[in-house]
């Protein structure tokens, strides 16, 4: 509890850089090898050695939280189904067959994914999508689900490009760690705005696009007390360079390849 009697301030929890390398999270799971944002992609990421996964959440017509990046199903079904997620109930949405899964890939609910993470010991970076019908409802429903699983305390990080969504999340569950996502193309993306914005929102981390991660930028965020997790890094040489900068976490479509690139090489004889 805080000195004011409210919930404790958020802490980074398990999102701490391990000795010798950054954390490695599968971007929408190991989407290089399995349909994105599915339990199969999440499981593949963990089988490949990832510390956890990054995923996206949005709401259905009946106010359930599902794991889906886009507003509609067109891309993830290979063009077979263009319906909007917000116009479907959870049963109908989760029954849709996704492309590339051999008939087995489906959109999971956040509840299912939290259960999986609890059983698997995975870290979860849950991105709150801003292009939803009701951002406040998404924050409320997501934080309620996370809070209902106390064994995941400190293992779920909420992130968003939208400061208002992070503010909503802080209202509903101040103790859950949060991170500000930053795209290099944003007008106010650079060092001072990112640092001040993340701290003002009570975030424990900033998640800049990898092209922003100069030594000066990373050092400034660290000096402000923020962890720095960067996305989406698929080049192994680039991952090694970022690791040398002291990046706390790398989010990749192919976490196994990144981990192999970061593995210490045995001394030559």
Foldseek 3Di string as FASTA:
>chain_A
DDPVPDDDAADLFPLFQDPQFAAEAAEQALVVQAQGVFPVSQVVNVVLPHQGYEFEWAAACVLFIWTDDDQFQCVQQVRPGGDGRNDDDPVVQQCDQGPPHPRPTGIGTVLVVVVVCLVSVHAYEYEYEPPYPDLLSSLQNVLVSVVVDVSCQSRYEYEYCDLVSLLSNCVNPSHHAYEHEAEPPDPQRAQPSRLVSCVVSSHQAYEYELVRDDLVRCVSNVVSRHAYEYDDDDDQVSSCVVRVSVHNYYYYSRRSVNVVSSDDDDDDD
